[in-house]
Amino acid sequence: MKHLGLFLLIIFISWQHGCNTETAQNDVKTMKYLALGDSYTIGESVGEQERFPVQLADTLRADGIKVNNPEIVATTGWTTDELAAGIEEANISGNYDLVTLLIGVNNQYRGRSVENFREEYVALLEQAIAFAGGNPEKVVVISIPDWGVTPFAEGRDREQIAQEIDAYNAVKMEETQEQGVSFVNITPISRQAAAQPELIADDGLHPSGKMYKLWVDLMFDEVKNAITFNP
């Protein structure tokens, strides 16, 4: 009987430990992710599962981080002011554990000035920080890819496009770092498409799912640090 009692006690302790472990797992917070941007965020010309915010969330989950499906506020063709209007219309509420921001290519495409971009971009960046509960550490900004290497740019001045993209990105990096926000430079990856056509979607302009995967791999460490940051 003495041995039976000891055996039952061991079973009880093991069961209690399992329950406690399960409770602890259930108590782990599910993170909220907000993705702000344009065609590169909504994933123009790729499937939903190939969008970079969706691939990013999947990669975080594979690393053991519980995260909701991304809330995406983005539309193909949006400029900085149009994203600001879209954010207002979306009536976003609550705080997010991660906010990504990728905007600016359509400002460049439409020939708007870099200084106009700076002013509107800073306002968006401040909004992104506010959505992250006022924590710049929980925001990640992504550079503008270079569409000048794509088939769509055939017949255009590719060198001028690259120079303008670089000028926009210089402003983005300067203002982003000024706010203490992480800046991820995916532009060199986008330029690999000049020699790797599989990195371009079927529309001849936007990134393919393969390119988005390269972006996710590059930004993952910054994103993980951001989403797990505890103010």
Protein backbone atom coordinates (compact mmCIF):
# COMPACT_ATOMS: atom_id res chain seq x y z
CA MET A 1 0.00 0.00 0.00
CA LYS A 2 2.91 2.30 0.79
CA HIS A 3 4.29 1.80 -2.73
CA LEU A 4 0.83 2.27 -4.23
CA GLY A 5 0.42 5.59 -2.40
CA LEU A 6 3.80 6.78 -3.62
CA PHE A 7 2.92 5.73 -7.18
CA LEU A 8 -0.37 7.65 -7.05
CA LEU A 9 1.40 10.71 -5.65
CA ILE A 10 3.86 10.67 -8.56
CA ILE A 11 0.98 10.42 -11.05
CA PHE A 12 -0.79 13.35 -9.35
CA ILE A 13 2.34 15.52 -9.42
CA SER A 14 2.91 14.69 -13.09
CA TRP A 15 -0.70 15.51 -13.92
CA GLN A 16 -0.54 18.79 -12.00
CA HIS A 17 2.69 19.76 -13.81
CA GLY A 18 1.05 19.03 -17.16
CA CYS A 19 -1.94 21.17 -16.26
CA ASN A 20 0.28 24.02 -15.13
CA THR A 21 2.29 23.81 -18.34
CA GLU A 22 -0.87 23.83 -20.44
CA THR A 23 -2.22 26.80 -18.45
CA ALA A 24 1.03 28.69 -18.95
CA GLN A 25 0.90 28.01 -22.69
CA ASN A 26 -2.70 29.18 -22.85
CA ASP A 27 -1.74 32.34 -20.96
CA VAL A 28 0.85 33.32 -23.58
CA LYS A 29 -0.33 36.53 -25.23
CA THR A 30 -1.38 36.42 -28.86
CA MET A 31 0.36 39.33 -30.58
CA LYS A 32 -1.40 41.83 -32.84
CA TYR A 33 0.26 42.89 -36.11
CA LEU A 34 -0.69 45.91 -38.24
CA ALA A 35 0.79 46.28 -41.75
CA LEU A 36 0.56 49.70 -43.42
CA GLY A 37 1.49 50.35 -47.03
CA ASP A 38 0.68 50.12 -50.71
CA SER A 39 0.84 47.40 -53.40
CA TYR A 40 3.96 45.87 -51.83
CA THR A 41 2.07 45.29 -48.58
CA ILE A 42 -1.23 44.10 -50.05
CA GLY A 43 0.75 41.79 -52.36
CA GLU A 44 -0.40 42.89 -55.81
CA SER A 45 -0.29 39.98 -58.30
CA VAL A 46 0.53 37.27 -55.72
CA GLY A 47 -1.68 34.99 -53.67
CA GLU A 48 -2.76 35.99 -50.18
CA GLN A 49 -0.39 33.49 -48.55
CA GLU A 50 2.54 34.99 -50.50
CA ARG A 51 2.06 38.55 -49.21
CA PHE A 52 5.02 39.53 -47.11
CA PRO A 53 2.94 40.34 -43.98
CA VAL A 54 1.31 36.90 -44.17
CA GLN A 55 4.64 35.15 -44.73
CA LEU A 56 6.09 37.17 -41.86
CA ALA A 57 3.32 36.12 -39.48
CA ASP A 58 3.75 32.49 -40.53
CA THR A 59 7.50 32.71 -39.90
CA LEU A 60 6.94 34.20 -36.45
CA ARG A 61 4.54 31.37 -35.59
CA ALA A 62 7.10 28.81 -36.78
CA ASP A 63 9.52 30.43 -34.32
CA GLY A 64 7.07 29.90 -31.47
CA ILE A 65 5.54 33.39 -31.34
CA LYS A 66 1.75 33.53 -31.18
CA VAL A 67 0.54 36.21 -33.58
CA ASN A 68 -2.81 36.98 -35.15
CA ASN A 69 -3.28 37.20 -38.89
CA PRO A 70 -1.98 40.63 -39.95
CA GLU A 71 -4.42 43.50 -40.19
CA ILE A 72 -3.51 45.11 -43.51
CA VAL A 73 -4.29 48.70 -44.46
CA ALA A 74 -2.88 49.01 -47.96
CA THR A 75 -4.02 49.50 -51.54
CA THR A 76 -2.19 49.37 -54.84
CA GLY A 77 -1.23 52.86 -56.02
CA TRP A 78 -1.42 54.60 -52.65
CA THR A 79 0.84 57.54 -51.95
CA THR A 80 1.65 58.81 -48.46
CA ASP A 81 -1.40 61.09 -48.29
CA GLU A 82 -3.67 58.34 -49.62
CA LEU A 83 -2.40 55.91 -46.99
CA ALA A 84 -3.11 58.55 -44.34
CA ALA A 85 -6.68 58.83 -45.66
CA GLY A 86 -6.99 55.04 -45.73
CA ILE A 87 -5.86 54.81 -42.11
CA GLU A 88 -8.46 57.38 -41.09
CA GLU A 89 -11.18 55.50 -42.97
CA ALA A 90 -10.12 52.18 -41.41
CA ASN A 91 -10.81 53.65 -37.97
CA ILE A 92 -7.97 51.69 -36.36
CA SER A 93 -8.25 51.30 -32.60
CA GLY A 94 -6.22 49.66 -29.87
CA ASN A 95 -2.51 49.04 -29.60
CA TYR A 96 -0.44 46.64 -31.69
CA ASP A 97 2.59 44.56 -30.77
CA LEU A 98 4.09 45.08 -34.23
CA VAL A 99 3.54 47.70 -36.93
CA THR A 100 5.28 47.61 -40.32
CA LEU A 101 5.32 50.57 -42.69
CA LEU A 102 6.27 50.46 -46.38
CA ILE A 103 5.27 53.49 -48.44
CA GLY A 104 6.68 55.94 -50.96
CA VAL A 105 7.06 54.28 -54.36
CA ASN A 106 3.96 55.95 -55.78
CA ASN A 107 5.14 59.37 -54.59
CA GLN A 108 8.30 58.76 -56.62
CA TYR A 109 6.37 57.35 -59.61
CA ARG A 110 4.11 60.40 -59.75
CA GLY A 111 7.08 62.75 -59.63
CA ARG A 112 6.39 64.29 -56.25
CA SER A 113 9.19 66.07 -54.43
CA VAL A 114 11.30 64.36 -51.80
CA GLU A 115 10.59 67.17 -49.34
CA ASN A 116 6.83 66.73 -49.74
CA PHE A 117 7.38 63.03 -49.13
CA ARG A 118 9.42 63.76 -46.00
CA GLU A 119 6.65 65.81 -44.43
CA GLU A 120 3.90 63.26 -45.12
CA TYR A 121 6.11 60.28 -44.27
CA VAL A 122 7.01 61.68 -40.84
CA ALA A 123 3.31 62.08 -40.05
CA LEU A 124 2.69 58.43 -41.03
CA LEU A 125 5.66 57.26 -38.98
CA GLU A 126 4.33 59.07 -35.93
CA GLN A 127 0.95 57.42 -36.48
CA ALA A 128 2.61 54.00 -36.72
CA ILE A 129 4.39 54.61 -33.40
CA ALA A 130 1.08 55.65 -31.84
CA PHE A 131 -0.54 52.41 -33.07
CA ALA A 132 2.32 50.57 -31.34
CA GLY A 133 1.32 52.10 -28.02
CA GLY A 134 3.85 54.90 -28.36
CA ASN A 135 6.74 52.43 -28.56
CA PRO A 136 9.05 53.11 -31.55
CA GLU A 137 10.80 49.82 -30.72
CA LYS A 138 7.69 47.96 -31.93
CA VAL A 139 7.68 49.57 -35.39
CA VAL A 140 9.66 48.35 -38.41
CA VAL A 141 10.01 50.46 -41.55
CA ILE A 142 10.86 48.83 -44.88
CA SER A 143 12.69 50.61 -47.69
CA ILE A 144 11.21 51.24 -51.12
CA PRO A 145 12.10 48.57 -53.70
CA ASP A 146 13.51 49.60 -57.07
CA TRP A 147 10.88 48.98 -59.74
CA GLY A 148 13.31 50.31 -62.36
CA VAL A 149 14.82 46.85 -62.80
CA THR A 150 11.47 45.29 -63.77
CA PRO A 151 10.15 44.60 -67.29
CA PHE A 152 7.53 47.30 -66.65
CA ALA A 153 10.33 49.90 -66.70
CA GLU A 154 11.45 48.93 -70.20
CA GLY A 155 12.10 52.11 -72.23
CA ARG A 156 12.33 54.32 -69.13
CA ASP A 157 15.44 55.82 -67.60
CA ARG A 158 16.32 53.04 -65.18
CA GLU A 159 19.29 54.91 -63.74
CA GLN A 160 17.15 57.95 -62.93
CA ILE A 161 14.54 55.72 -61.26
CA ALA A 162 17.26 54.15 -59.12
CA GLN A 163 18.62 57.55 -58.12
CA GLU A 164 15.18 58.82 -57.16
CA ILE A 165 14.42 55.65 -55.18
CA ASP A 166 17.73 56.07 -53.36
CA ALA A 167 16.89 59.68 -52.54
CA TYR A 168 13.51 58.69 -51.11
CA ASN A 169 15.06 55.88 -49.10
CA ALA A 170 17.73 58.22 -47.71
CA VAL A 171 14.94 60.42 -46.34
CA LYS A 172 13.09 57.39 -44.98
CA MET A 173 16.16 56.06 -43.22
CA GLU A 174 17.08 59.46 -41.77
CA GLU A 175 13.62 60.18 -40.38
CA THR A 176 13.09 56.59 -39.24
CA GLN A 177 16.31 56.41 -37.28
CA GLU A 178 15.64 59.88 -35.84
CA GLN A 179 12.51 58.39 -34.24
CA GLY A 180 14.36 55.35 -32.91
CA VAL A 181 12.57 52.98 -35.30
CA SER A 182 14.17 50.01 -37.06
CA PHE A 183 14.81 50.44 -40.79
CA VAL A 184 15.20 47.38 -43.04
CA ASN A 185 16.81 47.94 -46.43
CA ILE A 186 15.27 45.48 -48.90
CA THR A 187 16.17 47.61 -51.95
CA PRO A 188 19.31 45.60 -52.83
CA ILE A 189 17.17 42.44 -52.88
CA SER A 190 14.71 44.10 -55.27
CA ARG A 191 17.59 44.90 -57.62
CA GLN A 192 18.54 41.24 -57.84
CA ALA A 193 15.46 40.85 -60.05
CA ALA A 194 17.43 42.34 -62.94
CA ALA A 195 19.23 39.00 -63.20
CA GLN A 196 16.61 36.79 -61.51
CA PRO A 197 13.26 37.15 -63.30
CA GLU A 198 11.65 34.63 -60.95
CA LEU A 199 11.69 37.37 -58.32
CA ILE A 200 9.08 39.31 -60.33
CA ALA A 201 5.36 38.49 -60.39
CA ASP A 202 3.53 37.72 -63.62
CA ASP A 203 2.50 41.37 -64.03
CA GLY A 204 6.13 42.27 -64.78
CA LEU A 205 6.24 44.92 -62.04
CA HIS A 206 5.59 43.66 -58.53
CA PRO A 207 7.62 41.20 -56.44
CA SER A 208 6.86 37.49 -56.57
CA GLY A 209 6.27 35.41 -53.47
CA LYS A 210 9.92 34.31 -53.74
CA MET A 211 11.13 37.88 -53.41
CA TYR A 212 8.80 38.52 -50.49
CA LYS A 213 10.29 35.47 -48.78
CA LEU A 214 13.75 37.03 -49.14
CA TRP A 215 12.42 40.22 -47.57
CA VAL A 216 10.98 38.26 -44.65
CA ASP A 217 14.26 36.43 -44.10
CA LEU A 218 16.13 39.75 -44.04
CA MET A 219 13.76 41.54 -41.67
CA PHE A 220 12.98 38.63 -39.36
CA ASP A 221 15.46 39.40 -36.58
CA GLU A 222 14.40 43.06 -36.42
CA VAL A 223 10.75 42.06 -36.44
CA LYS A 224 11.22 39.44 -33.73
CA ASN A 225 12.96 41.98 -31.52
CA ALA A 226 10.15 44.45 -32.17
CA ILE A 227 7.21 42.15 -31.49
CA THR A 228 8.75 40.71 -28.33
CA PHE A 229 9.90 44.08 -26.97
CA ASN A 230 8.50 44.61 -23.49
CA PRO A 231 8.28 48.33 -22.63
